[in-house]
Structures are given as structure tokens and as C-alpha cells.
Amino acid sequence: MKRFIFGSSGTVQRAAEKYEPIKSMVEARLDDIPDPRPVVSHLDPPWPHAMYGVGKTAGEAMARLFSETHGSAIVVRIGRVRAKNRPANARGVSVYFSHRDVEQMFEKCVDAPGDVKWDVFYGVSDNFTRFRDISHAEEVIGYVPADGIKDWPLEG
């Protein structure tokens, strides 16, 4: 079976970050984060904040069309990956995606079961202010982050 993996971005739903309760998470205002913690899911509709997110949304639609006509397509909404492999600010913590977790996510997508014809996964590490849902990727392809940011600011 042909499988296409599209590297999308969490920016397809970034406008959610302007509003509570997600805003408190990207600003690392821990006392303002409700319990249970909210998450943005692959089932939520696109809500881009800029043309980059609109473009990624269109790419996701093309991947879906590929799955309907040619085989399998998996979308990974990639979080923030940095050359230094550490976030630069509080928002970066909430969407941080470690190098090791990036590698694992894409390996799991390549090796996904044959019955995965179409799906969307969030690619982020297990960060203490994470608001993007990773439980779906765990259930479908077995993605379990090896890394995550547990506190901010970072020491060292």
C-alpha cells in the first residue's frame, strides 16, 4: 500500500491560543489552568491564525484526497522543533517536540497498521503545559513521548 505522511503544523488551530483556557497554558499561568486540563483535538475544526495555517489546512485536505484515491495518508501536526532541542519561551514549552520524539512519531507513522487509511496526529512531547492531544496517536500508532518539559523556566 502507498502511504503518504504530510508534515503539517499545529498552526491549523493556533487561533485557539488567543482565548482561555488555552491562553493560560501557552503563557504558563499555572494557577489559571482548569482541571481537567483542556486539549485541542484532531477532531476540532481548523482555526488558523495566519495564512501559514491556512496553507497547512489545505495541505491536510490534499492528503485526505490522496487517502481517498491512492492509498493511505497520515497527517502529523508538528509542534515546535528547535535546533538546540529546548524551548525558547513559555509558549514554546507548551508545543515543544523533542528531536527524539519527532523521530519516534514519524517511525510510528511509517510503520502504522495497514488499516490506517487516514488519520491526523499531534506531534508534541509530554510537556507540563501541553494542550495538544496526543492520546489519539498513542491509541492508534503507539506514540508515547520519551521527552517533555516539566517546568519553566529551564535551569542551565
N, C-alpha and C. Protein backbone atom coordinates (compact mmCIF):
# COMPACT_ATOMS: atom_id res chain seq x y z
N MET A 1 0.85 -1.18 0.00
CA MET A 1 0.00 0.00 0.00
C MET A 1 0.89 1.24 0.00
N LYS A 2 0.47 2.23 -0.74
CA LYS A 2 1.16 3.51 -0.74
C LYS A 2 0.71 4.29 0.49
N ARG A 3 1.68 4.90 1.17
CA ARG A 3 1.35 5.74 2.33
C ARG A 3 2.07 7.06 2.19
N PHE A 4 1.32 8.13 2.36
CA PHE A 4 1.84 9.48 2.31
C PHE A 4 1.76 10.05 3.72
N ILE A 5 2.86 10.63 4.20
CA ILE A 5 2.86 11.28 5.52
C ILE A 5 3.10 12.76 5.29
N PHE A 6 2.13 13.56 5.70
CA PHE A 6 2.19 15.00 5.49
C PHE A 6 2.61 15.70 6.77
N GLY A 7 3.68 16.46 6.70
CA GLY A 7 4.14 17.26 7.83
C GLY A 7 3.37 18.56 7.89
N SER A 8 2.34 18.57 8.70
CA SER A 8 1.51 19.75 8.88
C SER A 8 2.02 20.52 10.10
N SER A 9 1.16 21.28 10.71
CA SER A 9 1.56 22.12 11.82
C SER A 9 0.38 22.37 12.75
N GLY A 10 0.67 22.54 14.02
CA GLY A 10 -0.36 22.91 14.97
C GLY A 10 -0.97 24.27 14.67
N THR A 11 -0.36 25.02 13.74
CA THR A 11 -0.91 26.32 13.39
C THR A 11 -2.27 26.22 12.74
N VAL A 12 -2.68 25.01 12.33
CA VAL A 12 -4.03 24.89 11.76
C VAL A 12 -5.09 25.19 12.82
N GLN A 13 -4.71 25.18 14.10
CA GLN A 13 -5.65 25.52 15.17
C GLN A 13 -5.06 26.55 16.14
N ARG A 14 -4.07 27.31 15.69
CA ARG A 14 -3.37 28.23 16.58
C ARG A 14 -4.24 29.37 17.11
N ALA A 15 -5.29 29.74 16.43
CA ALA A 15 -6.13 30.83 16.93
C ALA A 15 -6.71 30.51 18.30
N ALA A 16 -6.83 29.22 18.63
CA ALA A 16 -7.34 28.82 19.95
C ALA A 16 -6.45 29.35 21.07
N GLU A 17 -5.18 29.62 20.77
CA GLU A 17 -4.24 30.09 21.79
C GLU A 17 -4.53 31.52 22.25
N LYS A 18 -5.37 32.23 21.53
CA LYS A 18 -5.71 33.61 21.91
C LYS A 18 -6.78 33.67 22.99
N TYR A 19 -7.39 32.53 23.29
CA TYR A 19 -8.53 32.51 24.20
C TYR A 19 -8.30 31.55 25.36
N GLU A 20 -8.92 31.88 26.48
CA GLU A 20 -8.87 31.00 27.64
C GLU A 20 -9.70 29.76 27.37
N PRO A 21 -9.33 28.64 27.91
CA PRO A 21 -8.24 28.38 28.84
C PRO A 21 -6.90 28.05 28.18
N ILE A 22 -6.88 27.91 26.85
CA ILE A 22 -5.62 27.58 26.17
C ILE A 22 -4.59 28.69 26.37
N LYS A 23 -5.04 29.94 26.36
CA LYS A 23 -4.14 31.07 26.53
C LYS A 23 -3.35 30.95 27.84
N SER A 24 -3.98 30.53 28.91
CA SER A 24 -3.26 30.39 30.18
C SER A 24 -2.18 29.31 30.09
N MET A 25 -2.39 28.32 29.25
CA MET A 25 -1.40 27.26 29.10
C MET A 25 -0.19 27.74 28.32
N VAL A 26 -0.41 28.46 27.21
CA VAL A 26 0.74 28.93 26.43
C VAL A 26 1.50 30.04 27.15
N GLU A 27 0.86 30.69 28.11
CA GLU A 27 1.53 31.70 28.91
C GLU A 27 2.08 31.14 30.21
N ALA A 28 1.91 29.83 30.43
CA ALA A 28 2.40 29.13 31.63
C ALA A 28 1.87 29.77 32.91
N ARG A 29 0.60 30.20 32.89
CA ARG A 29 -0.06 30.71 34.10
C ARG A 29 -0.76 29.53 34.76
N LEU A 30 0.00 28.78 35.51
CA LEU A 30 -0.45 27.50 36.05
C LEU A 30 -1.68 27.61 36.93
N ASP A 31 -1.81 28.67 37.70
CA ASP A 31 -2.95 28.82 38.59
C ASP A 31 -4.26 29.04 37.83
N ASP A 32 -4.16 29.43 36.57
CA ASP A 32 -5.36 29.70 35.77
C ASP A 32 -5.78 28.53 34.89
N ILE A 33 -5.03 27.45 34.91
CA ILE A 33 -5.34 26.29 34.07
C ILE A 33 -6.39 25.44 34.77
N PRO A 34 -7.53 25.21 34.13
CA PRO A 34 -8.59 24.44 34.79
C PRO A 34 -8.25 22.95 34.88
N ASP A 35 -8.96 22.29 35.77
CA ASP A 35 -8.84 20.85 35.92
C ASP A 35 -10.21 20.25 35.66
N PRO A 36 -10.38 19.37 34.71
CA PRO A 36 -9.32 18.77 33.89
C PRO A 36 -8.78 19.75 32.87
N ARG A 37 -7.55 19.49 32.49
CA ARG A 37 -6.89 20.35 31.51
C ARG A 37 -7.55 20.22 30.15
N PRO A 38 -7.75 21.34 29.47
CA PRO A 38 -8.34 21.29 28.13
C PRO A 38 -7.31 20.81 27.12
N VAL A 39 -7.79 20.23 26.05
CA VAL A 39 -6.91 19.85 24.94
C VAL A 39 -7.57 20.24 23.62
N VAL A 40 -6.73 20.51 22.65
CA VAL A 40 -7.16 20.70 21.28
C VAL A 40 -6.98 19.34 20.62
N SER A 41 -8.02 18.86 19.97
CA SER A 41 -8.03 17.51 19.41
C SER A 41 -7.97 17.53 17.89
N HIS A 42 -7.56 16.41 17.33
CA HIS A 42 -7.56 16.25 15.88
C HIS A 42 -8.98 16.32 15.32
N LEU A 43 -9.98 16.19 16.16
CA LEU A 43 -11.38 16.26 15.73
C LEU A 43 -11.92 17.69 15.71
N ASP A 44 -11.20 18.62 16.34
CA ASP A 44 -11.64 20.02 16.34
C ASP A 44 -11.43 20.62 14.94
N PRO A 45 -12.31 21.51 14.52
CA PRO A 45 -12.17 22.09 13.18
C PRO A 45 -10.94 23.00 13.09
N PRO A 46 -10.43 23.18 11.88
CA PRO A 46 -9.30 24.10 11.70
C PRO A 46 -9.66 25.49 12.19
N TRP A 47 -8.66 26.17 12.76
CA TRP A 47 -8.84 27.52 13.26
C TRP A 47 -7.50 28.25 13.18
N PRO A 48 -7.01 28.42 11.95
CA PRO A 48 -5.70 29.05 11.80
C PRO A 48 -5.73 30.53 12.17
N HIS A 49 -4.56 31.06 12.51
CA HIS A 49 -4.46 32.48 12.87
C HIS A 49 -3.75 33.29 11.79
N ALA A 50 -3.19 32.61 10.79
CA ALA A 50 -2.46 33.29 9.73
C ALA A 50 -2.47 32.42 8.47
N MET A 51 -1.99 32.98 7.37
CA MET A 51 -2.01 32.26 6.09
C MET A 51 -1.18 30.97 6.12
N TYR A 52 -0.13 30.92 6.93
CA TYR A 52 0.65 29.68 7.02
C TYR A 52 -0.26 28.53 7.47
N GLY A 53 -1.07 28.77 8.47
CA GLY A 53 -2.00 27.75 8.95
C GLY A 53 -3.06 27.40 7.92
N VAL A 54 -3.49 28.40 7.15
CA VAL A 54 -4.45 28.15 6.07
C VAL A 54 -3.81 27.22 5.03
N GLY A 55 -2.55 27.49 4.69
CA GLY A 55 -1.83 26.64 3.74
C GLY A 55 -1.69 25.22 4.24
N LYS A 56 -1.37 25.06 5.52
CA LYS A 56 -1.25 23.72 6.09
C LYS A 56 -2.61 23.02 6.11
N THR A 57 -3.67 23.76 6.35
CA THR A 57 -5.02 23.19 6.31
C THR A 57 -5.32 22.67 4.90
N ALA A 58 -4.94 23.44 3.90
CA ALA A 58 -5.14 22.99 2.51
C ALA A 58 -4.31 21.74 2.23
N GLY A 59 -3.09 21.69 2.74
CA GLY A 59 -2.26 20.50 2.57
C GLY A 59 -2.88 19.27 3.20
N GLU A 60 -3.50 19.46 4.36
CA GLU A 60 -4.19 18.35 5.02
C GLU A 60 -5.35 17.85 4.15
N ALA A 61 -6.06 18.77 3.51
CA ALA A 61 -7.15 18.38 2.62
C ALA A 61 -6.63 17.59 1.43
N MET A 62 -5.47 17.99 0.91
CA MET A 62 -4.87 17.24 -0.20
C MET A 62 -4.44 15.85 0.25
N ALA A 63 -3.91 15.75 1.47
CA ALA A 63 -3.54 14.43 2.00
C ALA A 63 -4.77 13.55 2.14
N ARG A 64 -5.86 14.14 2.58
CA ARG A 64 -7.11 13.38 2.70
C ARG A 64 -7.57 12.87 1.34
N LEU A 65 -7.48 13.72 0.33
CA LEU A 65 -7.85 13.31 -1.02
C LEU A 65 -6.95 12.16 -1.49
N PHE A 66 -5.66 12.23 -1.19
CA PHE A 66 -4.75 11.13 -1.55
C PHE A 66 -5.23 9.83 -0.92
N SER A 67 -5.64 9.90 0.35
CA SER A 67 -6.08 8.67 1.03
C SER A 67 -7.34 8.11 0.38
N GLU A 68 -8.16 8.96 -0.17
CA GLU A 68 -9.40 8.52 -0.80
C GLU A 68 -9.16 7.91 -2.18
N THR A 69 -8.06 8.30 -2.82
CA THR A 69 -7.86 7.90 -4.21
C THR A 69 -6.63 7.03 -4.47
N HIS A 70 -5.64 7.04 -3.56
CA HIS A 70 -4.39 6.36 -3.87
C HIS A 70 -3.84 5.44 -2.78
N GLY A 71 -4.33 5.48 -1.58
CA GLY A 71 -3.75 4.65 -0.53
C GLY A 71 -4.03 5.19 0.85
N SER A 72 -2.97 5.43 1.59
CA SER A 72 -3.07 5.88 2.98
C SER A 72 -2.38 7.22 3.14
N ALA A 73 -2.94 8.07 3.99
CA ALA A 73 -2.31 9.35 4.30
C ALA A 73 -2.43 9.62 5.79
N ILE A 74 -1.33 10.00 6.37
CA ILE A 74 -1.29 10.37 7.79
C ILE A 74 -0.75 11.78 7.88
N VAL A 75 -1.42 12.60 8.66
CA VAL A 75 -1.01 13.99 8.90
C VAL A 75 -0.41 14.07 10.29
N VAL A 76 0.75 14.68 10.39
CA VAL A 76 1.36 14.96 11.69
C VAL A 76 1.40 16.48 11.85
N ARG A 77 0.67 16.97 12.84
CA ARG A 77 0.69 18.40 13.15
C ARG A 77 1.86 18.63 14.10
N ILE A 78 2.96 19.02 13.50
CA ILE A 78 4.24 19.12 14.19
C ILE A 78 4.27 20.32 15.13
N GLY A 79 4.71 20.07 16.35
CA GLY A 79 4.91 21.13 17.33
C GLY A 79 6.20 21.89 17.04
N ARG A 80 6.71 22.58 18.03
CA ARG A 80 7.90 23.43 17.86
C ARG A 80 9.16 22.58 18.03
N VAL A 81 9.94 22.50 16.96
CA VAL A 81 11.22 21.79 16.97
C VAL A 81 12.30 22.84 16.80
N ARG A 82 13.27 22.80 17.69
CA ARG A 82 14.35 23.79 17.64
C ARG A 82 15.70 23.08 17.51
N ALA A 83 16.63 23.73 16.85
CA ALA A 83 17.97 23.16 16.65
C ALA A 83 18.63 22.82 17.99
N LYS A 84 18.43 23.67 18.99
CA LYS A 84 19.04 23.43 20.31
C LYS A 84 18.26 22.41 21.13
N ASN A 85 17.14 21.91 20.60
CA ASN A 85 16.34 20.88 21.27
C ASN A 85 15.85 21.29 22.65
N ARG A 86 15.49 22.57 22.77
CA ARG A 86 14.90 23.08 24.00
C ARG A 86 14.09 24.32 23.67
N PRO A 87 12.99 24.52 24.37
CA PRO A 87 12.14 25.68 24.05
C PRO A 87 12.80 27.00 24.42
N ALA A 88 12.37 28.06 23.74
CA ALA A 88 12.94 29.38 23.97
C ALA A 88 12.08 30.25 24.88
N ASN A 89 10.80 29.88 25.04
CA ASN A 89 9.89 30.72 25.83
C ASN A 89 8.74 29.85 26.35
N ALA A 90 7.83 30.47 27.10
CA ALA A 90 6.72 29.73 27.72
C ALA A 90 5.82 29.08 26.67
N ARG A 91 5.51 29.79 25.60
CA ARG A 91 4.69 29.18 24.56
C ARG A 91 5.41 27.98 23.95
N GLY A 92 6.70 28.14 23.74
CA GLY A 92 7.50 27.05 23.19
C GLY A 92 7.45 25.79 24.03
N VAL A 93 7.31 25.95 25.34
CA VAL A 93 7.19 24.79 26.23
C VAL A 93 5.91 24.02 25.90
N SER A 94 4.82 24.72 25.71
CA SER A 94 3.53 24.04 25.51
C SER A 94 3.48 23.24 24.22
N VAL A 95 4.27 23.61 23.22
CA VAL A 95 4.24 22.92 21.92
C VAL A 95 5.57 22.26 21.57
N TYR A 96 6.48 22.19 22.53
CA TYR A 96 7.81 21.60 22.31
C TYR A 96 7.71 20.15 21.84
N PHE A 97 8.54 19.83 20.83
CA PHE A 97 8.60 18.50 20.23
C PHE A 97 10.08 18.14 20.12
N SER A 98 10.55 17.27 21.01
CA SER A 98 11.97 16.93 21.05
C SER A 98 12.40 16.18 19.80
N HIS A 99 13.68 16.25 19.52
CA HIS A 99 14.23 15.54 18.35
C HIS A 99 13.93 14.05 18.44
N ARG A 100 14.10 13.49 19.61
CA ARG A 100 13.86 12.06 19.79
C ARG A 100 12.38 11.71 19.56
N ASP A 101 11.48 12.57 20.03
CA ASP A 101 10.05 12.32 19.84
C ASP A 101 9.63 12.52 18.39
N VAL A 102 10.26 13.46 17.68
CA VAL A 102 9.99 13.63 16.25
C VAL A 102 10.33 12.33 15.51
N GLU A 103 11.51 11.81 15.80
CA GLU A 103 11.95 10.57 15.14
C GLU A 103 10.96 9.43 15.43
N GLN A 104 10.58 9.29 16.69
CA GLN A 104 9.65 8.23 17.06
C GLN A 104 8.30 8.39 16.33
N MET A 105 7.77 9.61 16.33
CA MET A 105 6.46 9.85 15.70
C MET A 105 6.47 9.44 14.24
N PHE A 106 7.48 9.88 13.50
CA PHE A 106 7.49 9.56 12.08
C PHE A 106 7.76 8.08 11.82
N GLU A 107 8.56 7.45 12.64
CA GLU A 107 8.75 6.00 12.51
C GLU A 107 7.42 5.27 12.75
N LYS A 108 6.69 5.70 13.77
CA LYS A 108 5.39 5.07 14.07
C LYS A 108 4.40 5.29 12.92
N CYS A 109 4.45 6.45 12.28
CA CYS A 109 3.55 6.70 11.15
C CYS A 109 3.92 5.82 9.96
N VAL A 110 5.19 5.70 9.67
CA VAL A 110 5.62 4.83 8.56
C VAL A 110 5.19 3.39 8.82
N ASP A 111 5.33 2.95 10.06
CA ASP A 111 5.02 1.56 10.43
C ASP A 111 3.58 1.36 10.90
N ALA A 112 2.71 2.35 10.72
CA ALA A 112 1.32 2.25 11.19
C ALA A 112 0.64 1.03 10.57
N PRO A 113 -0.32 0.45 11.29
CA PRO A 113 -1.05 -0.69 10.75
C PRO A 113 -1.67 -0.38 9.38
N GLY A 114 -1.80 -1.40 8.57
CA GLY A 114 -2.34 -1.24 7.23
C GLY A 114 -3.75 -0.70 7.18
N ASP A 115 -4.50 -0.88 8.26
CA ASP A 115 -5.88 -0.39 8.25
C ASP A 115 -5.98 1.11 8.56
N VAL A 116 -4.85 1.77 8.81
CA VAL A 116 -4.86 3.22 9.00
C VAL A 116 -4.80 3.85 7.61
N LYS A 117 -5.97 4.16 7.10
CA LYS A 117 -6.08 4.73 5.76
C LYS A 117 -5.95 6.25 5.81
N TRP A 118 -6.47 6.85 6.86
CA TRP A 118 -6.42 8.31 7.03
C TRP A 118 -6.42 8.63 8.51
N ASP A 119 -5.55 9.53 8.93
CA ASP A 119 -5.61 9.99 10.31
C ASP A 119 -4.76 11.24 10.49
N VAL A 120 -4.98 11.90 11.63
CA VAL A 120 -4.28 13.12 12.00
C VAL A 120 -3.78 12.96 13.42
N PHE A 121 -2.49 13.25 13.63
CA PHE A 121 -1.89 13.15 14.96
C PHE A 121 -1.16 14.44 15.29
N TYR A 122 -1.18 14.79 16.58
CA TYR A 122 -0.38 15.90 17.06
C TYR A 122 0.98 15.39 17.47
N GLY A 123 2.00 16.08 16.99
CA GLY A 123 3.38 15.76 17.34
C GLY A 123 3.91 16.76 18.33
N VAL A 124 3.85 16.41 19.61
CA VAL A 124 4.43 17.20 20.68
C VAL A 124 4.95 16.24 21.74
N SER A 125 5.86 16.73 22.54
CA SER A 125 6.36 15.94 23.66
C SER A 125 5.41 16.09 24.85
N ASP A 126 5.69 15.39 25.93
CA ASP A 126 4.80 15.39 27.09
C ASP A 126 5.16 16.55 28.02
N ASN A 127 4.75 17.75 27.64
CA ASN A 127 5.11 18.98 28.34
C ASN A 127 4.05 19.35 29.37
N PHE A 128 4.47 19.98 30.44
CA PHE A 128 3.54 20.26 31.54
C PHE A 128 2.44 21.24 31.17
N THR A 129 2.63 22.04 30.14
CA THR A 129 1.56 22.94 29.69
C THR A 129 1.05 22.54 28.30
N ARG A 130 1.26 21.30 27.93
CA ARG A 130 0.80 20.81 26.62
C ARG A 130 -0.73 20.88 26.56
N PHE A 131 -1.24 21.40 25.45
CA PHE A 131 -2.69 21.46 25.25
C PHE A 131 -3.12 20.73 23.98
N ARG A 132 -2.17 20.20 23.24
CA ARG A 132 -2.50 19.42 22.04
C ARG A 132 -2.60 17.95 22.43
N ASP A 133 -3.68 17.34 22.01
CA ASP A 133 -3.99 15.96 22.41
C ASP A 133 -3.05 14.96 21.74
N ILE A 134 -2.37 14.16 22.54
CA ILE A 134 -1.52 13.10 22.00
C ILE A 134 -2.09 11.71 22.28
N SER A 135 -3.21 11.64 22.98
CA SER A 135 -3.77 10.33 23.32
C SER A 135 -4.22 9.57 22.07
N HIS A 136 -4.67 10.28 21.06
CA HIS A 136 -5.12 9.62 19.83
C HIS A 136 -3.93 8.91 19.14
N ALA A 137 -2.79 9.58 19.09
CA ALA A 137 -1.59 8.97 18.49
C ALA A 137 -1.14 7.76 19.30
N GLU A 138 -1.28 7.83 20.60
CA GLU A 138 -0.93 6.68 21.44
C GLU A 138 -1.85 5.50 21.14
N GLU A 139 -3.14 5.76 21.05
CA GLU A 139 -4.11 4.69 20.81
C GLU A 139 -3.95 4.04 19.44
N VAL A 140 -3.69 4.84 18.42
CA VAL A 140 -3.69 4.33 17.05
C VAL A 140 -2.33 3.76 16.63
N ILE A 141 -1.24 4.48 16.93
CA ILE A 141 0.08 4.04 16.45
C ILE A 141 1.08 3.75 17.57
N GLY A 142 0.67 3.92 18.81
CA GLY A 142 1.55 3.61 19.93
C GLY A 142 2.59 4.67 20.24
N TYR A 143 2.35 5.92 19.85
CA TYR A 143 3.27 7.01 20.16
C TYR A 143 3.17 7.37 21.64
N VAL A 144 4.29 7.24 22.34
CA VAL A 144 4.39 7.64 23.74
C VAL A 144 5.65 8.49 23.85
N PRO A 145 5.50 9.79 24.10
CA PRO A 145 6.68 10.65 24.15
C PRO A 145 7.73 10.17 25.15
N ALA A 146 8.97 10.23 24.73
CA ALA A 146 10.08 9.89 25.62
C ALA A 146 10.52 11.12 26.40
N ASP A 147 10.17 12.29 25.90
CA ASP A 147 10.66 13.54 26.48
C ASP A 147 9.50 14.47 26.83
N GLY A 148 9.85 15.54 27.50
CA GLY A 148 8.87 16.57 27.84
C GLY A 148 9.48 17.58 28.78
N ILE A 149 8.94 18.77 28.76
CA ILE A 149 9.39 19.84 29.64
C ILE A 149 8.47 19.84 30.85
N LYS A 150 9.03 19.70 32.01
CA LYS A 150 8.25 19.57 33.24
C LYS A 150 8.14 20.84 34.05
N ASP A 151 8.92 21.89 33.69
CA ASP A 151 8.92 23.12 34.46
C ASP A 151 9.46 24.25 33.59
N TRP A 152 9.11 25.47 33.96
CA TRP A 152 9.62 26.64 33.27
C TRP A 152 9.82 27.74 34.26
N PRO A 153 10.87 28.52 34.19
CA PRO A 153 11.93 28.47 33.19
C PRO A 153 12.89 27.30 33.40
N LEU A 154 13.58 26.94 32.34
CA LEU A 154 14.55 25.85 32.41
C LEU A 154 15.78 26.30 33.17
N GLU A 155 16.39 25.37 33.85
CA GLU A 155 17.64 25.66 34.54
C GLU A 155 18.79 25.30 33.61
N GLY A 156 19.89 26.03 33.74
CA GLY A 156 21.11 25.70 32.98
C GLY A 156 21.07 26.21 31.64
